[in-house]
Amino acid sequence: MWYIGIDVHKKMCNACIKDLEGNIQKELEFPNKSTGTDKLLEAIEGREAKAVIESTGNMWLRLYLGLEEAGVDVVLANPKKTKAIAEAKLKNDKVDARTLADLLRAKLIAHCYVPLESVRELRSLVRHMITLTRDMTRVKNRIHAILDKYELEFTGTDLFGKAGMMWLRGITSKLTELDQFIFDAELRHVETLKGLIKEVEARIAKESAESEDVKLLMGIPGVNYYTALLLTSKIGDFSRFSSANKLVSWLGLAPRVHQSVNTIYNGRITKEGSPRVRWALVQAARSAVQWDDHYRTKY
């Protein structure tokens, strides 16, 4: 059995191949593209091999899928936990290809979950929605900054609704020529983003309607189709969690536990996992308290 540690970067990868005793058989550098995967497979020479790649953004995905398709037993390592293990076991804070190969040999790799392609596509859709909403927030903030500069205030309830947009278009004459130019561009930007967000919302609603997991999650008070799809895309296979407590811990919502001889102290939540999921769950909880009589009286 050969053990392959792979240090992945955007353009290049470094691999270290070791045998069962830890002897280096080969070390090589190859491009992070399909031709690079072929080069690594040639180096393995058809031997039985197991490989480990650290989860770094999306840079690992092409190589992971290529090795998996070729029949190599490949695992995805949690970079945070892998570094902690390396420091404790190998006294080495640099998690390079050699270190990864050693950790793989010793069965000390903290695995990351690799979702199915369908789940990865849902994640891309949700990320796209998040990007658009963030862009919209930035544009609105720039518009507010111009309004503050000229001490202009809208008396209605929704500045970017139908009446608000009519008001915004009507005040451009009060601005300097250059600010008027910028302001008009920002208003067009708002309209463009509204259209894009509407399209993505429709696609999210379609995907939600076709998912049984989403339908089940929407049965929870406060959880709408967007929150349900976000949870589904992030969690993937719910059955990989043997208990609700483990899911809560994975989401980073479990409290930190500090224990002395006779005292157990529960601190703040760990905040592991996705901050976007935690934010969505907080919003769902607030919505449940606001609109559900049972939770309103309780909380």
C-alpha atoms as a PDB file:
ATOM      1  CA  MET A   1       0.000   0.000   0.000  1.00  0.00           C
ATOM      2  CA  TRP A   2       1.242   3.473  -0.894  1.00  0.00           C
ATOM      3  CA  TYR A   3       0.122   6.549   1.031  1.00  0.00           C
ATOM      4  CA  ILE A   4      -0.071   9.845  -0.839  1.00  0.00           C
ATOM      5  CA  GLY A   5      -0.147  13.222   0.856  1.00  0.00           C
ATOM      6  CA  ILE A   6      -1.109  16.035  -1.505  1.00  0.00           C
ATOM      7  CA  ASP A   7      -0.582  19.736  -0.805  1.00  0.00           C
ATOM      8  CA  VAL A   8      -3.030  21.534  -3.096  1.00  0.00           C
ATOM      9  CA  HIS A   9      -2.705  25.108  -4.332  1.00  0.00           C
ATOM     10  CA  LYS A  10      -4.602  27.061  -6.961  1.00  0.00           C
ATOM     11  CA  LYS A  11      -2.209  26.344  -9.826  1.00  0.00           C
ATOM     12  CA  MET A  12       0.188  23.666  -8.578  1.00  0.00           C
ATOM     13  CA  CYS A  13       0.108  20.629  -6.283  1.00  0.00           C
ATOM     14  CA  ASN A  14       2.867  18.824  -4.413  1.00  0.00           C
ATOM     15  CA  ALA A  15       2.594  15.122  -3.642  1.00  0.00           C
ATOM     16  CA  CYS A  16       4.620  12.847  -1.404  1.00  0.00           C
ATOM     17  CA  ILE A  17       4.233   9.082  -1.814  1.00  0.00           C
ATOM     18  CA  LYS A  18       5.289   6.890   1.126  1.00  0.00           C
ATOM     19  CA  ASP A  19       5.143   3.165   1.744  1.00  0.00           C
ATOM     20  CA  LEU A  20       3.754   1.411   4.816  1.00  0.00           C
ATOM     21  CA  GLU A  21       7.021   1.923   6.751  1.00  0.00           C
ATOM     22  CA  GLY A  22       7.094   5.649   5.989  1.00  0.00           C
ATOM     23  CA  ASN A  23       9.842   5.549   3.372  1.00  0.00           C
ATOM     24  CA  ILE A  24       9.487   8.147   0.638  1.00  0.00           C
ATOM     25  CA  GLN A  25       8.935   6.431  -2.695  1.00  0.00           C
ATOM     26  CA  LYS A  26       8.363   9.493  -4.839  1.00  0.00           C
ATOM     27  CA  GLU A  27       7.841  13.247  -4.596  1.00  0.00           C
ATOM     28  CA  LEU A  28       6.469  15.263  -7.455  1.00  0.00           C
ATOM     29  CA  GLU A  29       4.953  18.596  -8.442  1.00  0.00           C
ATOM     30  CA  PHE A  30       2.127  18.791 -10.953  1.00  0.00           C
ATOM     31  CA  PRO A  31      -0.421  21.355 -12.216  1.00  0.00           C
ATOM     32  CA  ASN A  32      -3.840  21.488 -10.566  1.00  0.00           C
ATOM     33  CA  LYS A  33      -5.678  20.406 -13.706  1.00  0.00           C
ATOM     34  CA  SER A  34      -6.656  17.156 -15.406  1.00  0.00           C
ATOM     35  CA  THR A  35      -3.186  16.707 -16.954  1.00  0.00           C
ATOM     36  CA  GLY A  36      -1.700  16.982 -13.468  1.00  0.00           C
ATOM     37  CA  THR A  37      -4.017  14.276 -12.162  1.00  0.00           C
ATOM     38  CA  ASP A  38      -2.838  12.028 -15.006  1.00  0.00           C
ATOM     39  CA  LYS A  39       0.785  12.707 -14.013  1.00  0.00           C
ATOM     40  CA  LEU A  40       0.093  11.644 -10.427  1.00  0.00           C
ATOM     41  CA  LEU A  41      -1.703   8.490 -11.576  1.00  0.00           C
ATOM     42  CA  GLU A  42       1.315   7.592 -13.738  1.00  0.00           C
ATOM     43  CA  ALA A  43       3.557   7.974 -10.680  1.00  0.00           C
ATOM     44  CA  ILE A  44       1.383   5.540  -8.705  1.00  0.00           C
ATOM     45  CA  GLU A  45       2.047   2.899 -11.396  1.00  0.00           C
ATOM     46  CA  GLY A  46      -1.241   1.100 -10.794  1.00  0.00           C
ATOM     47  CA  ARG A  47      -0.341   0.179  -7.204  1.00  0.00           C
ATOM     48  CA  GLU A  48      -2.888   0.029  -4.413  1.00  0.00           C
ATOM     49  CA  ALA A  49      -2.867   3.533  -2.994  1.00  0.00           C
ATOM     50  CA  LYS A  50      -4.667   5.802  -0.596  1.00  0.00           C
ATOM     51  CA  ALA A  51      -4.501   9.589  -0.917  1.00  0.00           C
ATOM     52  CA  VAL A  52      -5.348  12.551   1.277  1.00  0.00           C
ATOM     53  CA  ILE A  53      -6.072  16.122   0.202  1.00  0.00           C
ATOM     54  CA  GLU A  54      -6.720  19.070   2.493  1.00  0.00           C
ATOM     55  CA  SER A  55     -10.009  20.913   2.048  1.00  0.00           C
ATOM     56  CA  THR A  56      -8.923  24.347   0.789  1.00  0.00           C
ATOM     57  CA  GLY A  57     -11.691  26.371  -0.837  1.00  0.00           C
ATOM     58  CA  ASN A  58     -12.684  24.572  -4.036  1.00  0.00           C
ATOM     59  CA  MET A  59      -9.099  23.956  -5.167  1.00  0.00           C
ATOM     60  CA  TRP A  60      -9.243  20.297  -4.109  1.00  0.00           C
ATOM     61  CA  LEU A  61     -12.357  19.327  -6.051  1.00  0.00           C
ATOM     62  CA  ARG A  62     -10.941  18.646  -9.537  1.00  0.00           C
ATOM     63  CA  LEU A  63      -8.093  16.502  -8.202  1.00  0.00           C
ATOM     64  CA  TYR A  64     -10.350  14.673  -5.741  1.00  0.00           C
ATOM     65  CA  LEU A  65     -12.871  13.729  -8.428  1.00  0.00           C
ATOM     66  CA  GLY A  66     -10.125  12.691 -10.853  1.00  0.00           C
ATOM     67  CA  LEU A  67      -8.478  10.359  -8.337  1.00  0.00           C
ATOM     68  CA  GLU A  68     -11.830   8.975  -7.205  1.00  0.00           C
ATOM     69  CA  GLU A  69     -12.817   8.230 -10.808  1.00  0.00           C
ATOM     70  CA  ALA A  70      -9.489   6.415 -11.312  1.00  0.00           C
ATOM     71  CA  GLY A  71     -10.247   4.137  -8.364  1.00  0.00           C
ATOM     72  CA  VAL A  72      -7.870   5.686  -5.834  1.00  0.00           C
ATOM     73  CA  ASP A  73      -9.136   5.642  -2.245  1.00  0.00           C
ATOM     74  CA  VAL A  74      -9.023   9.388  -1.557  1.00  0.00           C
ATOM     75  CA  VAL A  75     -10.069  11.251   1.584  1.00  0.00           C
ATOM     76  CA  LEU A  76     -10.603  14.942   2.228  1.00  0.00           C
ATOM     77  CA  ALA A  77      -8.922  16.250   5.386  1.00  0.00           C
ATOM     78  CA  ASN A  78     -10.274  18.918   7.724  1.00  0.00           C
ATOM     79  CA  PRO A  79      -7.414  21.489   7.654  1.00  0.00           C
ATOM     80  CA  LYS A  80      -8.070  22.915  11.115  1.00  0.00           C
ATOM     81  CA  LYS A  81      -8.149  19.545  12.864  1.00  0.00           C
ATOM     82  CA  THR A  82      -5.325  18.140  10.745  1.00  0.00           C
ATOM     83  CA  LYS A  83      -3.029  20.976  11.793  1.00  0.00           C
ATOM     84  CA  ALA A  84      -3.862  20.431  15.467  1.00  0.00           C
ATOM     85  CA  ILE A  85      -3.125  16.697  15.150  1.00  0.00           C
ATOM     86  CA  ALA A  86       0.127  17.375  13.304  1.00  0.00           C
ATOM     87  CA  GLU A  87       1.297  19.742  16.036  1.00  0.00           C
ATOM     88  CA  ALA A  88       0.418  17.243  18.785  1.00  0.00           C
ATOM     89  CA  LYS A  89       1.688  14.046  17.160  1.00  0.00           C
ATOM     90  CA  LEU A  90       4.483  15.135  14.839  1.00  0.00           C
ATOM     91  CA  LYS A  91       5.610  18.379  16.506  1.00  0.00           C
ATOM     92  CA  ASN A  92       5.303  20.034  13.133  1.00  0.00           C
ATOM     93  CA  ASP A  93       2.959  22.966  12.515  1.00  0.00           C
ATOM     94  CA  LYS A  94       3.557  22.870   8.768  1.00  0.00           C
ATOM     95  CA  VAL A  95       1.018  20.506   7.222  1.00  0.00           C
ATOM     96  CA  ASP A  96       2.779  19.758   3.935  1.00  0.00           C
ATOM     97  CA  ALA A  97       2.566  16.746   1.641  1.00  0.00           C
ATOM     98  CA  ARG A  98       4.995  14.661   3.740  1.00  0.00           C
ATOM     99  CA  THR A  99       3.069  15.383   6.930  1.00  0.00           C
ATOM    100  CA  LEU A 100      -0.236  14.495   5.292  1.00  0.00           C
ATOM    101  CA  ALA A 101       1.197  11.186   4.080  1.00  0.00           C
ATOM    102  CA  ASP A 102       2.408  10.360   7.609  1.00  0.00           C
ATOM    103  CA  LEU A 103      -0.952  11.231   9.150  1.00  0.00           C
ATOM    104  CA  LEU A 104      -2.697   9.081   6.561  1.00  0.00           C
ATOM    105  CA  ARG A 105      -0.393   6.123   7.335  1.00  0.00           C
ATOM    106  CA  ALA A 106      -1.107   6.516  11.045  1.00  0.00           C
ATOM    107  CA  LYS A 107      -4.870   6.785  10.460  1.00  0.00           C
ATOM    108  CA  LEU A 108      -4.904  10.231  12.087  1.00  0.00           C
ATOM    109  CA  ILE A 109      -6.720  12.148   9.351  1.00  0.00           C
ATOM    110  CA  ALA A 110      -9.818  14.068  10.457  1.00  0.00           C
ATOM    111  CA  HIS A 111     -12.121  13.541   7.481  1.00  0.00           C
ATOM    112  CA  CYS A 112     -14.339  16.140   5.821  1.00  0.00           C
ATOM    113  CA  TYR A 113     -17.698  15.207   4.360  1.00  0.00           C
ATOM    114  CA  VAL A 114     -17.732  15.288   0.550  1.00  0.00           C
ATOM    115  CA  PRO A 115     -21.285  15.955  -0.668  1.00  0.00           C
ATOM    116  CA  LEU A 116     -22.805  14.478  -3.802  1.00  0.00           C
ATOM    117  CA  GLU A 117     -22.669  16.516  -7.009  1.00  0.00           C
ATOM    118  CA  SER A 118     -26.365  17.409  -6.674  1.00  0.00           C
ATOM    119  CA  VAL A 119     -25.708  18.854  -3.213  1.00  0.00           C
ATOM    120  CA  ARG A 120     -22.634  20.740  -4.452  1.00  0.00           C
ATOM    121  CA  GLU A 121     -24.792  22.322  -7.163  1.00  0.00           C
ATOM    122  CA  LEU A 122     -27.339  23.411  -4.550  1.00  0.00           C
ATOM    123  CA  ARG A 123     -24.506  24.978  -2.563  1.00  0.00           C
ATOM    124  CA  SER A 124     -23.444  26.928  -5.650  1.00  0.00           C
ATOM    125  CA  LEU A 125     -27.003  28.192  -6.103  1.00  0.00           C
ATOM    126  CA  VAL A 126     -27.240  29.294  -2.467  1.00  0.00           C
ATOM    127  CA  ARG A 127     -23.799  30.962  -2.634  1.00  0.00           C
ATOM    128  CA  HIS A 128     -24.914  32.820  -5.769  1.00  0.00           C
ATOM    129  CA  MET A 129     -27.970  34.108  -3.910  1.00  0.00           C
ATOM    130  CA  ILE A 130     -25.814  35.207  -0.974  1.00  0.00           C
ATOM    131  CA  THR A 131     -23.458  37.061  -3.341  1.00  0.00           C
ATOM    132  CA  LEU A 132     -26.342  38.910  -4.996  1.00  0.00           C
ATOM    133  CA  THR A 133     -27.904  39.941  -1.675  1.00  0.00           C
ATOM    134  CA  ARG A 134     -24.534  41.173  -0.413  1.00  0.00           C
ATOM    135  CA  ASP A 135     -24.067  43.167  -3.621  1.00  0.00           C
ATOM    136  CA  MET A 136     -27.529  44.673  -3.134  1.00  0.00           C
ATOM    137  CA  THR A 137     -26.699  45.664   0.445  1.00  0.00           C
ATOM    138  CA  ARG A 138     -23.500  47.403  -0.685  1.00  0.00           C
ATOM    139  CA  VAL A 139     -25.322  49.337  -3.430  1.00  0.00           C
ATOM    140  CA  LYS A 140     -28.068  50.414  -1.022  1.00  0.00           C
ATOM    141  CA  ASN A 141     -25.456  51.567   1.491  1.00  0.00           C
ATOM    142  CA  ARG A 142     -23.807  53.728  -1.178  1.00  0.00           C
ATOM    143  CA  ILE A 143     -27.186  55.275  -2.036  1.00  0.00           C
ATOM    144  CA  HIS A 144     -27.846  55.975   1.645  1.00  0.00           C
ATOM    145  CA  ALA A 145     -24.428  57.659   1.875  1.00  0.00           C
ATOM    146  CA  ILE A 146     -25.336  60.061  -0.949  1.00  0.00           C
ATOM    147  CA  LEU A 147     -28.713  60.821   0.662  1.00  0.00           C
ATOM    148  CA  ASP A 148     -26.979  61.558   3.971  1.00  0.00           C
ATOM    149  CA  LYS A 149     -24.535  63.856   2.203  1.00  0.00           C
ATOM    150  CA  TYR A 150     -27.408  66.032   0.942  1.00  0.00           C
ATOM    151  CA  GLU A 151     -29.588  65.572   4.065  1.00  0.00           C
ATOM    152  CA  LEU A 152     -32.349  63.983   1.989  1.00  0.00           C
ATOM    153  CA  GLU A 153     -34.801  61.717   3.819  1.00  0.00           C
ATOM    154  CA  PHE A 154     -37.588  59.511   2.500  1.00  0.00           C
ATOM    155  CA  THR A 155     -40.742  59.647   4.643  1.00  0.00           C
ATOM    156  CA  GLY A 156     -42.213  56.371   3.391  1.00  0.00           C
ATOM    157  CA  THR A 157     -41.646  52.863   4.719  1.00  0.00           C
ATOM    158  CA  ASP A 158     -39.660  51.183   1.915  1.00  0.00           C
ATOM    159  CA  LEU A 159     -37.014  53.306   0.241  1.00  0.00           C
ATOM    160  CA  PHE A 160     -36.349  50.684  -2.417  1.00  0.00           C
ATOM    161  CA  GLY A 161     -39.963  49.721  -3.046  1.00  0.00           C
ATOM    162  CA  LYS A 162     -42.058  51.148  -5.902  1.00  0.00           C
ATOM    163  CA  ALA A 163     -42.824  54.497  -4.221  1.00  0.00           C
ATOM    164  CA  GLY A 164     -39.303  54.796  -2.847  1.00  0.00           C
ATOM    165  CA  MET A 165     -37.669  54.241  -6.233  1.00  0.00           C
ATOM    166  CA  MET A 166     -39.925  56.902  -7.785  1.00  0.00           C
ATOM    167  CA  TRP A 167     -38.824  59.306  -5.048  1.00  0.00           C
ATOM    168  CA  LEU A 168     -35.150  58.456  -5.590  1.00  0.00           C
ATOM    169  CA  ARG A 169     -35.416  59.137  -9.321  1.00  0.00           C
ATOM    170  CA  GLY A 170     -37.058  62.483  -8.597  1.00  0.00           C
ATOM    171  CA  ILE A 171     -34.314  63.889  -6.356  1.00  0.00           C
ATOM    172  CA  THR A 172     -31.383  63.613  -8.759  1.00  0.00           C
ATOM    173  CA  SER A 173     -31.757  67.274  -9.750  1.00  0.00           C
ATOM    174  CA  LYS A 174     -30.742  68.234  -6.192  1.00  0.00           C
ATOM    175  CA  LEU A 175     -27.324  66.613  -6.594  1.00  0.00           C
ATOM    176  CA  THR A 176     -24.176  67.906  -8.238  1.00  0.00           C
ATOM    177  CA  GLU A 177     -23.569  66.740 -11.782  1.00  0.00           C
ATOM    178  CA  LEU A 178     -21.000  64.109 -10.792  1.00  0.00           C
ATOM    179  CA  ASP A 179     -23.044  62.799  -7.845  1.00  0.00           C
ATOM    180  CA  GLN A 180     -26.077  62.706 -10.121  1.00  0.00           C
ATOM    181  CA  PHE A 181     -24.114  60.547 -12.573  1.00  0.00           C
ATOM    182  CA  ILE A 182     -23.066  58.144  -9.774  1.00  0.00           C
ATOM    183  CA  PHE A 183     -26.554  58.125  -8.223  1.00  0.00           C
ATOM    184  CA  ASP A 184     -28.248  57.233 -11.521  1.00  0.00           C
ATOM    185  CA  ALA A 185     -25.771  54.380 -12.028  1.00  0.00           C
ATOM    186  CA  GLU A 186     -26.489  53.047  -8.536  1.00  0.00           C
ATOM    187  CA  LEU A 187     -30.258  53.137  -9.163  1.00  0.00           C
ATOM    188  CA  ARG A 188     -29.785  51.148 -12.365  1.00  0.00           C
ATOM    189  CA  HIS A 189     -27.630  48.734 -10.394  1.00  0.00           C
ATOM    190  CA  VAL A 190     -30.465  48.241  -7.879  1.00  0.00           C
ATOM    191  CA  GLU A 191     -32.948  47.468 -10.661  1.00  0.00           C
ATOM    192  CA  THR A 192     -30.547  44.975 -12.266  1.00  0.00           C
ATOM    193  CA  LEU A 193     -29.910  43.196  -8.967  1.00  0.00           C
ATOM    194  CA  LYS A 194     -33.640  43.069  -8.212  1.00  0.00           C
ATOM    195  CA  GLY A 195     -34.197  41.213 -11.470  1.00  0.00           C
ATOM    196  CA  LEU A 196     -31.333  38.785 -10.846  1.00  0.00           C
ATOM    197  CA  ILE A 197     -32.433  38.104  -7.263  1.00  0.00           C
ATOM    198  CA  LYS A 198     -35.991  37.466  -8.438  1.00  0.00           C
ATOM    199  CA  GLU A 199     -34.718  34.897 -10.962  1.00  0.00           C
ATOM    200  CA  VAL A 200     -32.601  33.111  -8.352  1.00  0.00           C
ATOM    201  CA  GLU A 201     -35.458  33.160  -5.821  1.00  0.00           C
ATOM    202  CA  ALA A 202     -37.677  31.455  -8.406  1.00  0.00           C
ATOM    203  CA  ARG A 203     -35.024  28.783  -9.017  1.00  0.00           C
ATOM    204  CA  ILE A 204     -34.553  28.243  -5.267  1.00  0.00           C
ATOM    205  CA  ALA A 205     -38.328  27.863  -4.881  1.00  0.00           C
ATOM    206  CA  LYS A 206     -38.325  25.290  -7.716  1.00  0.00           C
ATOM    207  CA  GLU A 207     -35.475  23.285  -6.188  1.00  0.00           C
ATOM    208  CA  SER A 208     -37.142  23.481  -2.777  1.00  0.00           C
ATOM    209  CA  ALA A 209     -40.422  22.120  -4.129  1.00  0.00           C
ATOM    210  CA  GLU A 210     -38.591  19.073  -5.511  1.00  0.00           C
ATOM    211  CA  SER A 211     -36.741  18.219  -2.276  1.00  0.00           C
ATOM    212  CA  GLU A 212     -38.356  16.048   0.397  1.00  0.00           C
ATOM    213  CA  ASP A 213     -35.783  17.210   2.968  1.00  0.00           C
ATOM    214  CA  VAL A 214     -36.709  20.844   2.282  1.00  0.00           C
ATOM    215  CA  LYS A 215     -40.410  20.054   2.693  1.00  0.00           C
ATOM    216  CA  LEU A 216     -39.735  18.392   6.054  1.00  0.00           C
ATOM    217  CA  LEU A 217     -37.579  21.289   7.265  1.00  0.00           C
ATOM    218  CA  MET A 218     -40.265  23.797   6.297  1.00  0.00           C
ATOM    219  CA  GLY A 219     -42.502  22.078   8.829  1.00  0.00           C
ATOM    220  CA  ILE A 220     -40.327  23.654  11.536  1.00  0.00           C
ATOM    221  CA  PRO A 221     -41.770  27.002  12.735  1.00  0.00           C
ATOM    222  CA  GLY A 222     -39.784  29.928  11.317  1.00  0.00           C
ATOM    223  CA  VAL A 223     -38.043  27.950   8.560  1.00  0.00           C
ATOM    224  CA  ASN A 224     -38.866  29.202   5.053  1.00  0.00           C
ATOM    225  CA  TYR A 225     -37.862  27.611   1.748  1.00  0.00           C
ATOM    226  CA  TYR A 226     -34.592  29.573   1.528  1.00  0.00           C
ATOM    227  CA  THR A 227     -33.463  28.566   5.031  1.00  0.00           C
ATOM    228  CA  ALA A 228     -34.518  24.974   4.364  1.00  0.00           C
ATOM    229  CA  LEU A 229     -32.544  24.825   1.102  1.00  0.00           C
ATOM    230  CA  LEU A 230     -29.528  26.449   2.771  1.00  0.00           C
ATOM    231  CA  LEU A 231     -29.592  23.792   5.507  1.00  0.00           C
ATOM    232  CA  THR A 232     -30.047  20.990   2.982  1.00  0.00           C
ATOM    233  CA  SER A 233     -27.159  22.190   0.821  1.00  0.00           C
ATOM    234  CA  LYS A 234     -24.815  22.611   3.783  1.00  0.00           C
ATOM    235  CA  ILE A 235     -25.697  19.457   5.720  1.00  0.00           C
ATOM    236  CA  GLY A 236     -26.181  17.133   2.759  1.00  0.00           C
ATOM    237  CA  ASP A 237     -26.876  13.641   4.080  1.00  0.00           C
ATOM    238  CA  PHE A 238     -28.638  14.076   7.426  1.00  0.00           C
ATOM    239  CA  SER A 239     -28.144  10.400   8.264  1.00  0.00           C
ATOM    240  CA  ARG A 240     -24.399  10.944   8.777  1.00  0.00           C
ATOM    241  CA  PHE A 241     -25.271  12.433  12.173  1.00  0.00           C
ATOM    242  CA  SER A 242     -26.187   9.740  14.682  1.00  0.00           C
ATOM    243  CA  SER A 243     -27.922  12.201  17.010  1.00  0.00           C
ATOM    244  CA  ALA A 244     -29.354  15.715  17.139  1.00  0.00           C
ATOM    245  CA  ASN A 245     -26.567  16.698  19.550  1.00  0.00           C
ATOM    246  CA  LYS A 246     -23.916  15.821  16.969  1.00  0.00           C
ATOM    247  CA  LEU A 247     -25.677  17.904  14.328  1.00  0.00           C
ATOM    248  CA  VAL A 248     -25.894  20.847  16.746  1.00  0.00           C
ATOM    249  CA  SER A 249     -22.177  20.478  17.492  1.00  0.00           C
ATOM    250  CA  TRP A 250     -21.317  20.361  13.766  1.00  0.00           C
ATOM    251  CA  LEU A 251     -23.338  23.542  13.195  1.00  0.00           C
ATOM    252  CA  GLY A 252     -21.330  25.294  15.913  1.00  0.00           C
ATOM    253  CA  LEU A 253     -24.384  25.906  18.107  1.00  0.00           C
ATOM    254  CA  ALA A 254     -23.250  23.761  21.040  1.00  0.00           C
ATOM    255  CA  PRO A 255     -21.836  25.628  24.070  1.00  0.00           C
ATOM    256  CA  ARG A 256     -18.172  25.378  24.955  1.00  0.00           C
ATOM    257  CA  VAL A 257     -17.653  23.175  28.006  1.00  0.00           C
ATOM    258  CA  HIS A 258     -15.001  23.986  30.619  1.00  0.00           C
ATOM    259  CA  GLN A 259     -14.583  21.403  33.344  1.00  0.00           C
ATOM    260  CA  SER A 260     -12.590  21.471  36.568  1.00  0.00           C
ATOM    261  CA  VAL A 261     -12.577  18.890  39.355  1.00  0.00           C
ATOM    262  CA  ASN A 262     -16.092  19.526  40.651  1.00  0.00           C
ATOM    263  CA  THR A 263     -17.512  22.120  38.277  1.00  0.00           C
ATOM    264  CA  ILE A 264     -18.760  22.080  34.702  1.00  0.00           C
ATOM    265  CA  TYR A 265     -19.138  25.490  33.062  1.00  0.00           C
ATOM    266  CA  ASN A 266     -21.012  25.962  29.786  1.00  0.00           C
ATOM    267  CA  GLY A 267     -19.689  28.962  27.870  1.00  0.00           C
ATOM    268  CA  ARG A 268     -20.560  30.572  24.561  1.00  0.00           C
ATOM    269  CA  ILE A 269     -21.301  28.546  21.441  1.00  0.00           C
ATOM    270  CA  THR A 270     -18.284  27.123  19.616  1.00  0.00           C
ATOM    271  CA  LYS A 271     -19.087  28.849  16.286  1.00  0.00           C
ATOM    272  CA  GLU A 272     -17.628  25.943  14.317  1.00  0.00           C
ATOM    273  CA  GLY A 273     -19.093  25.334  10.880  1.00  0.00           C
ATOM    274  CA  SER A 274     -20.868  27.776   8.591  1.00  0.00           C
ATOM    275  CA  PRO A 275     -21.613  31.277   9.956  1.00  0.00           C
ATOM    276  CA  ARG A 276     -24.256  31.702   7.238  1.00  0.00           C
ATOM    277  CA  VAL A 277     -26.185  28.651   8.526  1.00  0.00           C
ATOM    278  CA  ARG A 278     -26.012  29.922  12.118  1.00  0.00           C
ATOM    279  CA  TRP A 279     -27.297  33.320  10.966  1.00  0.00           C
ATOM    280  CA  ALA A 280     -30.174  31.683   9.066  1.00  0.00           C
ATOM    281  CA  LEU A 281     -31.145  29.582  12.093  1.00  0.00           C
ATOM    282  CA  VAL A 282     -31.112  32.649  14.348  1.00  0.00           C
ATOM    283  CA  GLN A 283     -33.415  34.442  11.894  1.00  0.00           C
ATOM    284  CA  ALA A 284     -35.688  31.386  11.810  1.00  0.00           C
ATOM    285  CA  ALA A 285     -35.839  31.344  15.615  1.00  0.00           C
ATOM    286  CA  ARG A 286     -36.725  35.042  15.708  1.00  0.00           C
ATOM    287  CA  SER A 287     -39.423  34.511  13.099  1.00  0.00           C
ATOM    288  CA  ALA A 288     -40.885  31.618  15.087  1.00  0.00           C
ATOM    289  CA  VAL A 289     -41.021  33.723  18.255  1.00  0.00           C
ATOM    290  CA  GLN A 290     -42.612  36.623  16.367  1.00  0.00           C
ATOM    291  CA  TRP A 291     -45.304  34.699  14.486  1.00  0.00           C
ATOM    292  CA  ASP A 292     -45.978  31.503  16.440  1.00  0.00           C
ATOM    293  CA  ASP A 293     -48.166  31.928  19.546  1.00  0.00           C
ATOM    294  CA  HIS A 294     -46.641  28.896  21.286  1.00  0.00           C
ATOM    295  CA  TYR A 295     -43.071  30.191  21.014  1.00  0.00           C
ATOM    296  CA  ARG A 296     -44.065  33.817  21.632  1.00  0.00           C
ATOM    297  CA  THR A 297     -45.512  32.984  25.059  1.00  0.00           C
ATOM    298  CA  LYS A 298     -42.561  30.723  25.884  1.00  0.00           C
ATOM    299  CA  TYR A 299     -39.714  32.997  24.807  1.00  0.00           C
END
